[in-house]
Structures are given as C-alpha cells and as structure tokens.
Amino acid sequence: MSVSTLFWGILFGAIGLGFFIYGKKQQAIVPLVCGLALMVFPYFVSGTWLLIAIGAALTAIPYFVRV
C-alpha cells in the first residue's frame, strides 16, 4: 500500500461519509448507497488509478441520478 492509495482512500471515505449522512437525513437512497459504497470500496481496491476511477464515478452518480 502506497501513501497515495491511503490518501485517496481517506478522501473518498470522507466524501462517502458526507453522502451517507446527507442520504440518511434526506431519506434519499442514491446518495445513501453511494456514500456507503465510497466508504467500503477502498478496502477492496489496491491500484491507485483504479481507486481514483471508481471513486470519481461513485462521487458523480448522485449528481446525475435523481430518484
């Protein structure tokens, strides 16, 4: 594990926590699920570029999907 992987994992985890709290308070399923996914997926992805790509995609989903 490199320092950059650790940094990106912490960053996406913090963004995920924000999405999770927002989704729970607003009772919105998309930010809630994306927030949970953002907090969990860094544990399973080891490549830095893959981590950034998945994290960016999960961060963008609530902005484009309105349910």
C-alpha atoms as a PDB file:
ATOM      1  CA  MET A   1       0.000   0.000   0.000  1.00  0.00           C
ATOM      2  CA  SER A   2       1.425   3.344  -1.015  1.00  0.00           C
ATOM      3  CA  VAL A   3       0.862   6.745   0.514  1.00  0.00           C
ATOM      4  CA  SER A   4      -1.206   7.904  -2.455  1.00  0.00           C
ATOM      5  CA  THR A   5      -3.547   4.911  -2.165  1.00  0.00           C
ATOM      6  CA  LEU A   6      -4.012   5.649   1.521  1.00  0.00           C
ATOM      7  CA  PHE A   7      -4.665   9.340   0.850  1.00  0.00           C
ATOM      8  CA  TRP A   8      -7.243   8.662  -1.877  1.00  0.00           C
ATOM      9  CA  GLY A   9      -8.945   6.045   0.288  1.00  0.00           C
ATOM     10  CA  ILE A  10      -9.291   8.505   3.156  1.00  0.00           C
ATOM     11  CA  LEU A  11     -10.539  11.240   0.809  1.00  0.00           C
ATOM     12  CA  PHE A  12     -13.198   9.054  -0.802  1.00  0.00           C
ATOM     13  CA  GLY A  13     -14.176   7.683   2.610  1.00  0.00           C
ATOM     14  CA  ALA A  14     -14.765  11.214   3.899  1.00  0.00           C
ATOM     15  CA  ILE A  15     -16.826  12.106   0.829  1.00  0.00           C
ATOM     16  CA  GLY A  16     -18.753   8.869   1.321  1.00  0.00           C
ATOM     17  CA  LEU A  17     -19.488   9.748   4.929  1.00  0.00           C
ATOM     18  CA  GLY A  18     -20.900  13.083   3.802  1.00  0.00           C
ATOM     19  CA  PHE A  19     -23.081  11.407   1.181  1.00  0.00           C
ATOM     20  CA  PHE A  20     -24.219   8.794   3.694  1.00  0.00           C
ATOM     21  CA  ILE A  21     -25.247  11.383   6.294  1.00  0.00           C
ATOM     22  CA  TYR A  22     -26.995  13.501   3.658  1.00  0.00           C
ATOM     23  CA  GLY A  23     -28.846  10.497   2.244  1.00  0.00           C
ATOM     24  CA  LYS A  24     -29.943   9.357   5.674  1.00  0.00           C
ATOM     25  CA  LYS A  25     -31.245  12.787   6.715  1.00  0.00           C
ATOM     26  CA  GLN A  26     -32.983  13.475   3.393  1.00  0.00           C
ATOM     27  CA  GLN A  27     -34.175   9.865   3.021  1.00  0.00           C
ATOM     28  CA  ALA A  28     -32.593   9.741  -0.452  1.00  0.00           C
ATOM     29  CA  ILE A  29     -31.494   6.272  -1.493  1.00  0.00           C
ATOM     30  CA  VAL A  30     -28.941   7.189  -4.194  1.00  0.00           C
ATOM     31  CA  PRO A  31     -26.610   9.318  -2.003  1.00  0.00           C
ATOM     32  CA  LEU A  32     -27.033   6.838   0.851  1.00  0.00           C
ATOM     33  CA  VAL A  33     -25.943   3.848  -1.239  1.00  0.00           C
ATOM     34  CA  CYS A  34     -23.148   5.769  -2.992  1.00  0.00           C
ATOM     35  CA  GLY A  35     -21.884   7.015   0.355  1.00  0.00           C
ATOM     36  CA  LEU A  36     -21.809   3.506   1.741  1.00  0.00           C
ATOM     37  CA  ALA A  37     -20.031   2.257  -1.381  1.00  0.00           C
ATOM     38  CA  LEU A  38     -17.478   5.099  -1.189  1.00  0.00           C
ATOM     39  CA  MET A  39     -16.667   4.191   2.397  1.00  0.00           C
ATOM     40  CA  VAL A  40     -16.271   0.458   1.710  1.00  0.00           C
ATOM     41  CA  PHE A  41     -14.682   0.066  -1.731  1.00  0.00           C
ATOM     42  CA  PRO A  42     -11.147   1.340  -0.851  1.00  0.00           C
ATOM     43  CA  TYR A  43     -10.692  -1.782   1.278  1.00  0.00           C
ATOM     44  CA  PHE A  44     -11.066  -3.989  -1.788  1.00  0.00           C
ATOM     45  CA  VAL A  45      -9.189  -1.993  -4.466  1.00  0.00           C
ATOM     46  CA  SER A  46      -5.399  -1.936  -4.390  1.00  0.00           C
ATOM     47  CA  GLY A  47      -4.461   0.011  -7.527  1.00  0.00           C
ATOM     48  CA  THR A  48      -4.266   3.789  -7.211  1.00  0.00           C
ATOM     49  CA  TRP A  49      -5.659   4.588 -10.662  1.00  0.00           C
ATOM     50  CA  LEU A  50      -8.487   2.112 -10.262  1.00  0.00           C
ATOM     51  CA  LEU A  51      -9.254   3.608  -6.851  1.00  0.00           C
ATOM     52  CA  ILE A  52      -9.440   7.099  -8.349  1.00  0.00           C
ATOM     53  CA  ALA A  53     -11.602   5.969 -11.281  1.00  0.00           C
ATOM     54  CA  ILE A  54     -14.127   4.096  -9.139  1.00  0.00           C
ATOM     55  CA  GLY A  55     -14.191   6.851  -6.531  1.00  0.00           C
ATOM     56  CA  ALA A  56     -14.790   9.556  -9.134  1.00  0.00           C
ATOM     57  CA  ALA A  57     -17.590   7.517 -10.712  1.00  0.00           C
ATOM     58  CA  LEU A  58     -19.276   6.870  -7.364  1.00  0.00           C
ATOM     59  CA  THR A  59     -18.928  10.536  -6.436  1.00  0.00           C
ATOM     60  CA  ALA A  60     -20.564  11.650  -9.698  1.00  0.00           C
ATOM     61  CA  ILE A  61     -23.514   9.236  -9.600  1.00  0.00           C
ATOM     62  CA  PRO A  62     -25.667  11.255  -7.126  1.00  0.00           C
ATOM     63  CA  TYR A  63     -25.334  14.351  -9.306  1.00  0.00           C
ATOM     64  CA  PHE A  64     -26.618  12.590 -12.414  1.00  0.00           C
ATOM     65  CA  VAL A  65     -29.125  10.095 -10.976  1.00  0.00           C
ATOM     66  CA  ARG A  66     -32.160  11.667  -9.315  1.00  0.00           C
ATOM     67  CA  VAL A  67     -34.656   9.225  -7.851  1.00  0.00           C
END
